[in-house]
Amino acid sequence: MLIYKIIPRSLWHAAERKGFFEGAAIDLADGYIHFSTAAQLRETAAKHFAGQTDLVVLTVDSELCESDLRWEPSRGGDLFPHLYAPLAVDHVSAVHDLPWRDGVHDFGVIVA
């Protein structure tokens, strides 16, 4: 199953240099990296990234990090994937721009 992480482009570039992503400020505060499923992604963007530009969406195959991945309840009882380890850059299968257009993020063909 594919899971997704929205982050500022600058954090992705820093991760590329280091070879891993330790998390954004909220991830570091909570002790794990927050991910979303395809069905949760748009709501995550609206709730946590409204109006933000220069974002990217990382695509990760959950099987590549399943030993450190836990599915835990969050908004409305939905299970969200949480990674309790740094994310290796080579586990990211795609990086997509997430433009802000007409008051919403435009996911285009990122997720079906």
PDB file of N, CA and C in Angstrom:
ATOM      1  N   MET A   1       0.844  -1.179   0.000  1.00  0.00           N
ATOM      2  CA  MET A   1       0.000   0.000   0.000  1.00  0.00           C
ATOM      3  C   MET A   1       0.890   1.243   0.000  1.00  0.00           C
ATOM      4  N   LEU A   2       0.498   2.223  -0.787  1.00  0.00           N
ATOM      5  CA  LEU A   2       1.235   3.476  -0.820  1.00  0.00           C
ATOM      6  C   LEU A   2       0.736   4.396   0.284  1.00  0.00           C
ATOM      7  N   ILE A   3       1.689   5.091   0.925  1.00  0.00           N
ATOM      8  CA  ILE A   3       1.371   6.107   1.912  1.00  0.00           C
ATOM      9  C   ILE A   3       2.074   7.395   1.482  1.00  0.00           C
ATOM     10  N   TYR A   4       1.614   8.521   2.037  1.00  0.00           N
ATOM     11  CA  TYR A   4       2.046   9.822   1.538  1.00  0.00           C
ATOM     12  C   TYR A   4       2.418  10.753   2.685  1.00  0.00           C
ATOM     13  N   LYS A   5       3.390  11.626   2.410  1.00  0.00           N
ATOM     14  CA  LYS A   5       3.823  12.633   3.372  1.00  0.00           C
ATOM     15  C   LYS A   5       3.933  13.968   2.653  1.00  0.00           C
ATOM     16  N   ILE A   6       3.255  14.982   3.169  1.00  0.00           N
ATOM     17  CA  ILE A   6       3.351  16.338   2.640  1.00  0.00           C
ATOM     18  C   ILE A   6       4.390  17.082   3.469  1.00  0.00           C
ATOM     19  N   ILE A   7       5.356  17.685   2.786  1.00  0.00           N
ATOM     20  CA  ILE A   7       6.376  18.464   3.493  1.00  0.00           C
ATOM     21  C   ILE A   7       6.811  19.657   2.641  1.00  0.00           C
ATOM     22  N   PRO A   8       7.369  20.669   3.290  1.00  0.00           N
ATOM     23  CA  PRO A   8       7.962  21.761   2.522  1.00  0.00           C
ATOM     24  C   PRO A   8       9.135  21.254   1.683  1.00  0.00           C
ATOM     25  N   ARG A   9       9.277  21.801   0.510  1.00  0.00           N
ATOM     26  CA  ARG A   9      10.350  21.396  -0.400  1.00  0.00           C
ATOM     27  C   ARG A   9      11.727  21.497   0.281  1.00  0.00           C
ATOM     28  N   SER A  10      11.922  22.517   1.107  1.00  0.00           N
ATOM     29  CA  SER A  10      13.216  22.708   1.773  1.00  0.00           C
ATOM     30  C   SER A  10      13.561  21.521   2.678  1.00  0.00           C
ATOM     31  N   LEU A  11      12.560  20.939   3.340  1.00  0.00           N
ATOM     32  CA  LEU A  11      12.817  19.762   4.183  1.00  0.00           C
ATOM     33  C   LEU A  11      13.191  18.548   3.335  1.00  0.00           C
ATOM     34  N   TRP A  12      12.576  18.434   2.160  1.00  0.00           N
ATOM     35  CA  TRP A  12      12.925  17.327   1.279  1.00  0.00           C
ATOM     36  C   TRP A  12      14.366  17.476   0.783  1.00  0.00           C
ATOM     37  N   HIS A  13      14.753  18.684   0.408  1.00  0.00           N
ATOM     38  CA  HIS A  13      16.127  18.897  -0.059  1.00  0.00           C
ATOM     39  C   HIS A  13      17.133  18.582   1.048  1.00  0.00           C
ATOM     40  N   ALA A  14      16.814  18.952   2.277  1.00  0.00           N
ATOM     41  CA  ALA A  14      17.693  18.633   3.412  1.00  0.00           C
ATOM     42  C   ALA A  14      17.780  17.125   3.608  1.00  0.00           C
ATOM     43  N   ALA A  15      16.659  16.430   3.465  1.00  0.00           N
ATOM     44  CA  ALA A  15      16.647  14.971   3.594  1.00  0.00           C
ATOM     45  C   ALA A  15      17.482  14.311   2.503  1.00  0.00           C
ATOM     46  N   GLU A  16      17.384  14.829   1.295  1.00  0.00           N
ATOM     47  CA  GLU A  16      18.188  14.289   0.197  1.00  0.00           C
ATOM     48  C   GLU A  16      19.680  14.400   0.513  1.00  0.00           C
ATOM     49  N   ARG A  17      20.077  15.518   1.091  1.00  0.00           N
ATOM     50  CA  ARG A  17      21.495  15.702   1.437  1.00  0.00           C
ATOM     51  C   ARG A  17      21.942  14.730   2.525  1.00  0.00           C
ATOM     52  N   LYS A  18      21.065  14.474   3.502  1.00  0.00           N
ATOM     53  CA  LYS A  18      21.409  13.596   4.626  1.00  0.00           C
ATOM     54  C   LYS A  18      21.196  12.114   4.316  1.00  0.00           C
ATOM     55  N   GLY A  19      20.292  11.837   3.383  1.00  0.00           N
ATOM     56  CA  GLY A  19      19.959  10.453   3.068  1.00  0.00           C
ATOM     57  C   GLY A  19      18.760   9.922   3.835  1.00  0.00           C
ATOM     58  N   PHE A  20      18.187  10.758   4.690  1.00  0.00           N
ATOM     59  CA  PHE A  20      16.999  10.349   5.448  1.00  0.00           C
ATOM     60  C   PHE A  20      16.236  11.583   5.902  1.00  0.00           C
ATOM     61  N   PHE A  21      14.953  11.376   6.199  1.00  0.00           N
ATOM     62  CA  PHE A  21      14.065  12.425   6.683  1.00  0.00           C
ATOM     63  C   PHE A  21      13.679  12.083   8.111  1.00  0.00           C
ATOM     64  N   GLU A  22      14.015  12.977   9.037  1.00  0.00           N
ATOM     65  CA  GLU A  22      13.714  12.740  10.446  1.00  0.00           C
ATOM     66  C   GLU A  22      12.329  13.229  10.840  1.00  0.00           C
ATOM     67  N   GLY A  23      11.750  14.090  10.024  1.00  0.00           N
ATOM     68  CA  GLY A  23      10.420  14.590  10.304  1.00  0.00           C
ATOM     69  C   GLY A  23      10.360  16.097  10.319  1.00  0.00           C
ATOM     70  N   ALA A  24       9.156  16.609  10.159  1.00  0.00           N
ATOM     71  CA  ALA A  24       8.887  18.040  10.296  1.00  0.00           C
ATOM     72  C   ALA A  24       8.717  18.334  11.785  1.00  0.00           C
ATOM     73  N   ALA A  25       8.518  19.585  12.134  1.00  0.00           N
ATOM     74  CA  ALA A  25       8.412  19.972  13.542  1.00  0.00           C
ATOM     75  C   ALA A  25       7.338  19.170  14.288  1.00  0.00           C
ATOM     76  N   ILE A  26       6.166  18.992  13.677  1.00  0.00           N
ATOM     77  CA  ILE A  26       5.101  18.241  14.348  1.00  0.00           C
ATOM     78  C   ILE A  26       5.486  16.767  14.548  1.00  0.00           C
ATOM     79  N   ASP A  27       6.198  16.210  13.583  1.00  0.00           N
ATOM     80  CA  ASP A  27       6.648  14.818  13.695  1.00  0.00           C
ATOM     81  C   ASP A  27       7.636  14.680  14.848  1.00  0.00           C
ATOM     82  N   LEU A  28       8.591  15.587  14.904  1.00  0.00           N
ATOM     83  CA  LEU A  28       9.603  15.545  15.958  1.00  0.00           C
ATOM     84  C   LEU A  28       8.956  15.707  17.332  1.00  0.00           C
ATOM     85  N   ALA A  29       7.965  16.591  17.434  1.00  0.00           N
ATOM     86  CA  ALA A  29       7.264  16.805  18.706  1.00  0.00           C
ATOM     87  C   ALA A  29       6.474  15.567  19.121  1.00  0.00           C
ATOM     88  N   ASP A  30       5.869  14.876  18.144  1.00  0.00           N
ATOM     89  CA  ASP A  30       5.028  13.711  18.457  1.00  0.00           C
ATOM     90  C   ASP A  30       5.818  12.412  18.575  1.00  0.00           C
ATOM     91  N   GLY A  31       7.047  12.391  18.071  1.00  0.00           N
ATOM     92  CA  GLY A  31       7.873  11.197  18.194  1.00  0.00           C
ATOM     93  C   GLY A  31       7.726  10.202  17.068  1.00  0.00           C
ATOM     94  N   TYR A  32       7.069  10.593  15.997  1.00  0.00           N
ATOM     95  CA  TYR A  32       6.915   9.733  14.819  1.00  0.00           C
ATOM     96  C   TYR A  32       6.598  10.601  13.614  1.00  0.00           C
ATOM     97  N   ILE A  33       6.794  10.034  12.432  1.00  0.00           N
ATOM     98  CA  ILE A  33       6.495  10.755  11.198  1.00  0.00           C
ATOM     99  C   ILE A  33       5.059  10.436  10.785  1.00  0.00           C
ATOM    100  N   HIS A  34       4.262  11.483  10.651  1.00  0.00           N
ATOM    101  CA  HIS A  34       2.863  11.347  10.242  1.00  0.00           C
ATOM    102  C   HIS A  34       2.783  11.101   8.740  1.00  0.00           C
ATOM    103  N   PHE A  35       2.033  10.091   8.350  1.00  0.00           N
ATOM    104  CA  PHE A  35       1.730   9.822   6.949  1.00  0.00           C
ATOM    105  C   PHE A  35       0.217   9.799   6.776  1.00  0.00           C
ATOM    106  N   SER A  36      -0.220   9.793   5.532  1.00  0.00           N
ATOM    107  CA  SER A  36      -1.632   9.660   5.195  1.00  0.00           C
ATOM    108  C   SER A  36      -1.781   8.627   4.098  1.00  0.00           C
ATOM    109  N   THR A  37      -2.949   8.010   4.052  1.00  0.00           N
ATOM    110  CA  THR A  37      -3.293   7.160   2.914  1.00  0.00           C
ATOM    111  C   THR A  37      -3.790   8.068   1.798  1.00  0.00           C
ATOM    112  N   ALA A  38      -4.010   7.502   0.635  1.00  0.00           N
ATOM    113  CA  ALA A  38      -4.549   8.286  -0.480  1.00  0.00           C
ATOM    114  C   ALA A  38      -5.900   8.899  -0.108  1.00  0.00           C
ATOM    115  N   ALA A  39      -6.733   8.147   0.602  1.00  0.00           N
ATOM    116  CA  ALA A  39      -8.057   8.634   0.984  1.00  0.00           C
ATOM    117  C   ALA A  39      -7.991   9.757   2.014  1.00  0.00           C
ATOM    118  N   GLN A  40      -6.912   9.825   2.783  1.00  0.00           N
ATOM    119  CA  GLN A  40      -6.777  10.826   3.847  1.00  0.00           C
ATOM    120  C   GLN A  40      -6.001  12.068   3.408  1.00  0.00           C
ATOM    121  N   LEU A  41      -5.333  11.994   2.286  1.00  0.00           N
ATOM    122  CA  LEU A  41      -4.359  13.005   1.895  1.00  0.00           C
ATOM    123  C   LEU A  41      -4.951  14.398   1.705  1.00  0.00           C
ATOM    124  N   ARG A  42      -6.061  14.500   1.013  1.00  0.00           N
ATOM    125  CA  ARG A  42      -6.653  15.816   0.761  1.00  0.00           C
ATOM    126  C   ARG A  42      -7.101  16.491   2.057  1.00  0.00           C
ATOM    127  N   GLU A  43      -7.673  15.729   2.970  1.00  0.00           N
ATOM    128  CA  GLU A  43      -8.094  16.292   4.251  1.00  0.00           C
ATOM    129  C   GLU A  43      -6.874  16.730   5.072  1.00  0.00           C
ATOM    130  N   THR A  44      -5.816  15.949   5.028  1.00  0.00           N
ATOM    131  CA  THR A  44      -4.581  16.326   5.720  1.00  0.00           C
ATOM    132  C   THR A  44      -4.052  17.644   5.174  1.00  0.00           C
ATOM    133  N   ALA A  45      -4.046  17.794   3.859  1.00  0.00           N
ATOM    134  CA  ALA A  45      -3.571  19.031   3.243  1.00  0.00           C
ATOM    135  C   ALA A  45      -4.435  20.216   3.670  1.00  0.00           C
ATOM    136  N   ALA A  46      -5.735  20.048   3.644  1.00  0.00           N
ATOM    137  CA  ALA A  46      -6.648  21.127   4.007  1.00  0.00           C
ATOM    138  C   ALA A  46      -6.506  21.513   5.476  1.00  0.00           C
ATOM    139  N   LYS A  47      -6.317  20.534   6.334  1.00  0.00           N
ATOM    140  CA  LYS A  47      -6.258  20.785   7.777  1.00  0.00           C
ATOM    141  C   LYS A  47      -4.914  21.355   8.221  1.00  0.00           C
ATOM    142  N   HIS A  48      -3.829  20.860   7.672  1.00  0.00           N
ATOM    143  CA  HIS A  48      -2.503  21.215   8.181  1.00  0.00           C
ATOM    144  C   HIS A  48      -1.665  22.094   7.250  1.00  0.00           C
ATOM    145  N   PHE A  49      -2.065  22.226   5.981  1.00  0.00           N
ATOM    146  CA  PHE A  49      -1.218  22.938   5.021  1.00  0.00           C
ATOM    147  C   PHE A  49      -1.965  23.987   4.203  1.00  0.00           C
ATOM    148  N   ALA A  50      -3.162  24.367   4.626  1.00  0.00           N
ATOM    149  CA  ALA A  50      -3.969  25.336   3.876  1.00  0.00           C
ATOM    150  C   ALA A  50      -3.177  26.609   3.620  1.00  0.00           C
ATOM    151  N   GLY A  51      -3.171  27.031   2.369  1.00  0.00           N
ATOM    152  CA  GLY A  51      -2.512  28.265   1.975  1.00  0.00           C
ATOM    153  C   GLY A  51      -1.004  28.170   1.814  1.00  0.00           C
ATOM    154  N   GLN A  52      -0.408  27.046   2.186  1.00  0.00           N
ATOM    155  CA  GLN A  52       1.040  26.903   2.085  1.00  0.00           C
ATOM    156  C   GLN A  52       1.446  26.537   0.664  1.00  0.00           C
ATOM    157  N   THR A  53       2.533  27.114   0.244  1.00  0.00           N
ATOM    158  CA  THR A  53       3.068  26.843  -1.077  1.00  0.00           C
ATOM    159  C   THR A  53       4.449  26.215  -0.929  1.00  0.00           C
ATOM    160  N   ASP A  54       5.030  25.841  -2.044  1.00  0.00           N
ATOM    161  CA  ASP A  54       6.345  25.207  -2.098  1.00  0.00           C
ATOM    162  C   ASP A  54       6.386  23.905  -1.298  1.00  0.00           C
ATOM    163  N   LEU A  55       5.318  23.121  -1.469  1.00  0.00           N
ATOM    164  CA  LEU A  55       5.207  21.814  -0.812  1.00  0.00           C
ATOM    165  C   LEU A  55       5.439  20.700  -1.819  1.00  0.00           C
ATOM    166  N   VAL A  56       5.844  19.541  -1.304  1.00  0.00           N
ATOM    167  CA  VAL A  56       5.929  18.330  -2.110  1.00  0.00           C
ATOM    168  C   VAL A  56       5.205  17.208  -1.383  1.00  0.00           C
ATOM    169  N   VAL A  57       4.801  16.212  -2.153  1.00  0.00           N
ATOM    170  CA  VAL A  57       4.190  15.011  -1.601  1.00  0.00           C
ATOM    171  C   VAL A  57       5.141  13.854  -1.873  1.00  0.00           C
ATOM    172  N   LEU A  58       5.561  13.192  -0.796  1.00  0.00           N
ATOM    173  CA  LEU A  58       6.407  12.005  -0.909  1.00  0.00           C
ATOM    174  C   LEU A  58       5.514  10.779  -0.987  1.00  0.00           C
ATOM    175  N   THR A  59       5.848   9.867  -1.874  1.00  0.00           N
ATOM    176  CA  THR A  59       5.127   8.603  -1.997  1.00  0.00           C
ATOM    177  C   THR A  59       6.042   7.484  -1.514  1.00  0.00           C
ATOM    178  N   VAL A  60       5.516   6.648  -0.612  1.00  0.00           N
ATOM    179  CA  VAL A  60       6.307   5.574  -0.012  1.00  0.00           C
ATOM    180  C   VAL A  60       5.485   4.290  -0.020  1.00  0.00           C
ATOM    181  N   ASP A  61       6.117   3.187  -0.376  1.00  0.00           N
ATOM    182  CA  ASP A  61       5.481   1.877  -0.257  1.00  0.00           C
ATOM    183  C   ASP A  61       5.578   1.472   1.204  1.00  0.00           C
ATOM    184  N   SER A  62       4.441   1.316   1.870  1.00  0.00           N
ATOM    185  CA  SER A  62       4.435   1.039   3.305  1.00  0.00           C
ATOM    186  C   SER A  62       5.192  -0.241   3.663  1.00  0.00           C
ATOM    187  N   GLU A  63       5.286  -1.182   2.735  1.00  0.00           N
ATOM    188  CA  GLU A  63       5.998  -2.432   3.018  1.00  0.00           C
ATOM    189  C   GLU A  63       7.493  -2.204   3.238  1.00  0.00           C
ATOM    190  N   LEU A  64       8.054  -1.130   2.671  1.00  0.00           N
ATOM    191  CA  LEU A  64       9.477  -0.862   2.819  1.00  0.00           C
ATOM    192  C   LEU A  64       9.853  -0.443   4.237  1.00  0.00           C
ATOM    193  N   CYS A  65       8.880   0.018   4.996  1.00  0.00           N
ATOM    194  CA  CYS A  65       9.181   0.461   6.362  1.00  0.00           C
ATOM    195  C   CYS A  65       8.227  -0.154   7.378  1.00  0.00           C
ATOM    196  N   GLU A  66       7.640  -1.296   7.040  1.00  0.00           N
ATOM    197  CA  GLU A  66       6.594  -1.854   7.885  1.00  0.00           C
ATOM    198  C   GLU A  66       7.057  -2.252   9.276  1.00  0.00           C
ATOM    199  N   SER A  67       8.336  -2.558   9.475  1.00  0.00           N
ATOM    200  CA  SER A  67       8.778  -2.941  10.817  1.00  0.00           C
ATOM    201  C   SER A  67       8.716  -1.760  11.789  1.00  0.00           C
ATOM    202  N   ASP A  68       8.765  -0.532  11.272  1.00  0.00           N
ATOM    203  CA  ASP A  68       8.699   0.661  12.115  1.00  0.00           C
ATOM    204  C   ASP A  68       7.401   1.441  11.921  1.00  0.00           C
ATOM    205  N   LEU A  69       6.459   0.878  11.165  1.00  0.00           N
ATOM    206  CA  LEU A  69       5.212   1.561  10.847  1.00  0.00           C
ATOM    207  C   LEU A  69       4.084   1.015  11.712  1.00  0.00           C
ATOM    208  N   ARG A  70       3.330   1.931  12.303  1.00  0.00           N
ATOM    209  CA  ARG A  70       2.162   1.540  13.098  1.00  0.00           C
ATOM    210  C   ARG A  70       0.948   2.284  12.563  1.00  0.00           C
ATOM    211  N   TRP A  71      -0.172   1.583  12.539  1.00  0.00           N
ATOM    212  CA  TRP A  71      -1.437   2.182  12.107  1.00  0.00           C
ATOM    213  C   TRP A  71      -2.203   2.527  13.378  1.00  0.00           C
ATOM    214  N   GLU A  72      -2.377   3.840  13.610  1.00  0.00           N
ATOM    215  CA  GLU A  72      -2.956   4.287  14.872  1.00  0.00           C
ATOM    216  C   GLU A  72      -4.132   5.217  14.626  1.00  0.00           C
ATOM    217  N   PRO A  73      -5.125   5.183  15.529  1.00  0.00           N
ATOM    218  CA  PRO A  73      -6.305   6.033  15.342  1.00  0.00           C
ATOM    219  C   PRO A  73      -5.973   7.509  15.511  1.00  0.00           C
ATOM    220  N   SER A  74      -6.631   8.312  14.688  1.00  0.00           N
ATOM    221  CA  SER A  74      -6.485   9.760  14.763  1.00  0.00           C
ATOM    222  C   SER A  74      -7.833  10.368  14.424  1.00  0.00           C
ATOM    223  N   ARG A  75      -7.867  11.349  13.513  1.00  0.00           N
ATOM    224  CA  ARG A  75      -9.107  12.044  13.172  1.00  0.00           C
ATOM    225  C   ARG A  75     -10.273  11.085  12.971  1.00  0.00           C
ATOM    226  N   GLY A  76     -11.314  11.290  13.755  1.00  0.00           N
ATOM    227  CA  GLY A  76     -12.540  10.521  13.575  1.00  0.00           C
ATOM    228  C   GLY A  76     -12.362   9.021  13.728  1.00  0.00           C
ATOM    229  N   GLY A  77     -11.280   8.593  14.367  1.00  0.00           N
ATOM    230  CA  GLY A  77     -11.043   7.168  14.562  1.00  0.00           C
ATOM    231  C   GLY A  77     -10.368   6.479  13.393  1.00  0.00           C
ATOM    232  N   ASP A  78     -10.120   7.218  12.291  1.00  0.00           N
ATOM    233  CA  ASP A  78      -9.408   6.630  11.154  1.00  0.00           C
ATOM    234  C   ASP A  78      -8.017   6.185  11.585  1.00  0.00           C
ATOM    235  N   LEU A  79      -7.552   5.103  11.010  1.00  0.00           N
ATOM    236  CA  LEU A  79      -6.190   4.647  11.265  1.00  0.00           C
ATOM    237  C   LEU A  79      -5.244   5.361  10.316  1.00  0.00           C
ATOM    238  N   PHE A  80      -4.231   5.988  10.883  1.00  0.00           N
ATOM    239  CA  PHE A  80      -3.220   6.698  10.105  1.00  0.00           C
ATOM    240  C   PHE A  80      -1.882   5.998  10.263  1.00  0.00           C
ATOM    241  N   PRO A  81      -1.087   5.955   9.193  1.00  0.00           N
ATOM    242  CA  PRO A  81       0.245   5.356   9.290  1.00  0.00           C
ATOM    243  C   PRO A  81       1.227   6.321   9.953  1.00  0.00           C
ATOM    244  N   HIS A  82       1.909   5.813  10.985  1.00  0.00           N
ATOM    245  CA  HIS A  82       2.910   6.585  11.720  1.00  0.00           C
ATOM    246  C   HIS A  82       4.221   5.822  11.685  1.00  0.00           C
ATOM    247  N   LEU A  83       5.270   6.472  11.257  1.00  0.00           N
ATOM    248  CA  LEU A  83       6.586   5.842  11.149  1.00  0.00           C
ATOM    249  C   LEU A  83       7.435   6.229  12.354  1.00  0.00           C
ATOM    250  N   TYR A  84       7.849   5.234  13.127  1.00  0.00           N
ATOM    251  CA  TYR A  84       8.642   5.444  14.333  1.00  0.00           C
ATOM    252  C   TYR A  84      10.125   5.238  14.054  1.00  0.00           C
ATOM    253  N   ALA A  85      10.606   5.848  13.014  1.00  0.00           N
ATOM    254  CA  ALA A  85      12.017   5.792  12.612  1.00  0.00           C
ATOM    255  C   ALA A  85      12.203   6.844  11.534  1.00  0.00           C
ATOM    256  N   PRO A  86      13.430   7.256  11.279  1.00  0.00           N
ATOM    257  CA  PRO A  86      13.655   8.151  10.139  1.00  0.00           C
ATOM    258  C   PRO A  86      13.265   7.448   8.838  1.00  0.00           C
ATOM    259  N   LEU A  87      12.843   8.235   7.875  1.00  0.00           N
ATOM    260  CA  LEU A  87      12.474   7.717   6.559  1.00  0.00           C
ATOM    261  C   LEU A  87      13.696   7.781   5.656  1.00  0.00           C
ATOM    262  N   ALA A  88      14.152   6.626   5.190  1.00  0.00           N
ATOM    263  CA  ALA A  88      15.273   6.590   4.252  1.00  0.00           C
ATOM    264  C   ALA A  88      14.835   7.197   2.925  1.00  0.00           C
ATOM    265  N   VAL A  89      15.669   8.050   2.371  1.00  0.00           N
ATOM    266  CA  VAL A  89      15.356   8.699   1.095  1.00  0.00           C
ATOM    267  C   VAL A  89      15.120   7.664   0.005  1.00  0.00           C
ATOM    268  N   ASP A  90      15.838   6.556   0.044  1.00  0.00           N
ATOM    269  CA  ASP A  90      15.654   5.549  -1.008  1.00  0.00           C
ATOM    270  C   ASP A  90      14.350   4.763  -0.866  1.00  0.00           C
ATOM    271  N   HIS A  91      13.586   5.003   0.212  1.00  0.00           N
ATOM    272  CA  HIS A  91      12.258   4.402   0.333  1.00  0.00           C
ATOM    273  C   HIS A  91      11.182   5.265  -0.329  1.00  0.00           C
ATOM    274  N   VAL A  92      11.552   6.451  -0.746  1.00  0.00           N
ATOM    275  CA  VAL A  92      10.606   7.365  -1.400  1.00  0.00           C
ATOM    276  C   VAL A  92      10.602   7.050  -2.891  1.00  0.00           C
ATOM    277  N   SER A  93       9.453   6.597  -3.374  1.00  0.00           N
ATOM    278  CA  SER A  93       9.375   6.180  -4.780  1.00  0.00           C
ATOM    279  C   SER A  93       9.049   7.338  -5.725  1.00  0.00           C
ATOM    280  N   ALA A  94       8.452   8.405  -5.186  1.00  0.00           N
ATOM    281  CA  ALA A  94       8.121   9.564  -6.020  1.00  0.00           C
ATOM    282  C   ALA A  94       8.022  10.801  -5.150  1.00  0.00           C
ATOM    283  N   VAL A  95       8.351  11.931  -5.772  1.00  0.00           N
ATOM    284  CA  VAL A  95       8.219  13.239  -5.135  1.00  0.00           C
ATOM    285  C   VAL A  95       7.469  14.125  -6.120  1.00  0.00           C
ATOM    286  N   HIS A  96       6.312  14.611  -5.701  1.00  0.00           N
ATOM    287  CA  HIS A  96       5.463  15.429  -6.570  1.00  0.00           C
ATOM    288  C   HIS A  96       5.300  16.825  -5.987  1.00  0.00           C
ATOM    289  N   ASP A  97       5.320  17.826  -6.851  1.00  0.00           N
ATOM    290  CA  ASP A  97       4.968  19.181  -6.439  1.00  0.00           C
ATOM    291  C   ASP A  97       3.507  19.195  -6.009  1.00  0.00           C
ATOM    292  N   LEU A  98       3.195  20.026  -5.021  1.00  0.00           N
ATOM    293  CA  LEU A  98       1.810  20.185  -4.578  1.00  0.00           C
ATOM    294  C   LEU A  98       1.428  21.664  -4.678  1.00  0.00           C
ATOM    295  N   PRO A  99       1.002  22.094  -5.865  1.00  0.00           N
ATOM    296  CA  PRO A  99       0.684  23.516  -6.055  1.00  0.00           C
ATOM    297  C   PRO A  99      -0.605  23.934  -5.348  1.00  0.00           C
ATOM    298  N   TRP A 100      -0.646  25.202  -4.987  1.00  0.00           N
ATOM    299  CA  TRP A 100      -1.828  25.833  -4.394  1.00  0.00           C
ATOM    300  C   TRP A 100      -2.503  26.635  -5.492  1.00  0.00           C
ATOM    301  N   ARG A 101      -3.731  26.224  -5.855  1.00  0.00           N
ATOM    302  CA  ARG A 101      -4.451  26.895  -6.941  1.00  0.00           C
ATOM    303  C   ARG A 101      -5.900  27.130  -6.541  1.00  0.00           C
ATOM    304  N   ASP A 102      -6.350  28.328  -6.765  1.00  0.00           N
ATOM    305  CA  ASP A 102      -7.761  28.671  -6.541  1.00  0.00           C
ATOM    306  C   ASP A 102      -8.256  28.261  -5.156  1.00  0.00           C
ATOM    307  N   GLY A 103      -7.410  28.459  -4.147  1.00  0.00           N
ATOM    308  CA  GLY A 103      -7.822  28.210  -2.771  1.00  0.00           C
ATOM    309  C   GLY A 103      -7.731  26.781  -2.283  1.00  0.00           C
ATOM    310  N   VAL A 104      -7.151  25.891  -3.086  1.00  0.00           N
ATOM    311  CA  VAL A 104      -6.973  24.495  -2.661  1.00  0.00           C
ATOM    312  C   VAL A 104      -5.665  23.959  -3.236  1.00  0.00           C
ATOM    313  N   HIS A 105      -5.189  22.893  -2.640  1.00  0.00           N
ATOM    314  CA  HIS A 105      -4.025  22.213  -3.214  1.00  0.00           C
ATOM    315  C   HIS A 105      -4.491  21.358  -4.386  1.00  0.00           C
ATOM    316  N   ASP A 106      -3.720  21.399  -5.443  1.00  0.00           N
ATOM    317  CA  ASP A 106      -4.034  20.667  -6.663  1.00  0.00           C
ATOM    318  C   ASP A 106      -3.218  19.379  -6.695  1.00  0.00           C
ATOM    319  N   PHE A 107      -3.876  18.275  -6.410  1.00  0.00           N
ATOM    320  CA  PHE A 107      -3.187  16.982  -6.369  1.00  0.00           C
ATOM    321  C   PHE A 107      -2.981  16.388  -7.754  1.00  0.00           C
ATOM    322  N   GLY A 108      -3.636  16.944  -8.759  1.00  0.00           N
ATOM    323  CA  GLY A 108      -3.439  16.452 -10.126  1.00  0.00           C
ATOM    324  C   GLY A 108      -3.515  14.935 -10.193  1.00  0.00           C
ATOM    325  N   VAL A 109      -2.436  14.329 -10.638  1.00  0.00           N
ATOM    326  CA  VAL A 109      -2.406  12.865 -10.780  1.00  0.00           C
ATOM    327  C   VAL A 109      -1.592  12.195  -9.669  1.00  0.00           C
ATOM    328  N   ILE A 110      -1.342  12.909  -8.576  1.00  0.00           N
ATOM    329  CA  ILE A 110      -0.537  12.337  -7.493  1.00  0.00           C
ATOM    330  C   ILE A 110      -1.194  11.079  -6.946  1.00  0.00           C
ATOM    331  N   VAL A 111      -2.473  11.176  -6.651  1.00  0.00           N
ATOM    332  CA  VAL A 111      -3.232  10.018  -6.164  1.00  0.00           C
ATOM    333  C   VAL A 111      -4.495   9.884  -6.992  1.00  0.00           C
ATOM    334  N   ALA A 112      -4.897   8.656  -7.205  1.00  0.00           N
ATOM    335  CA  ALA A 112      -6.086   8.408  -8.021  1.00  0.00           C
ATOM    336  C   ALA A 112      -7.348   8.655  -7.220  1.00  0.00           C
TER     337      ALA A 112
END
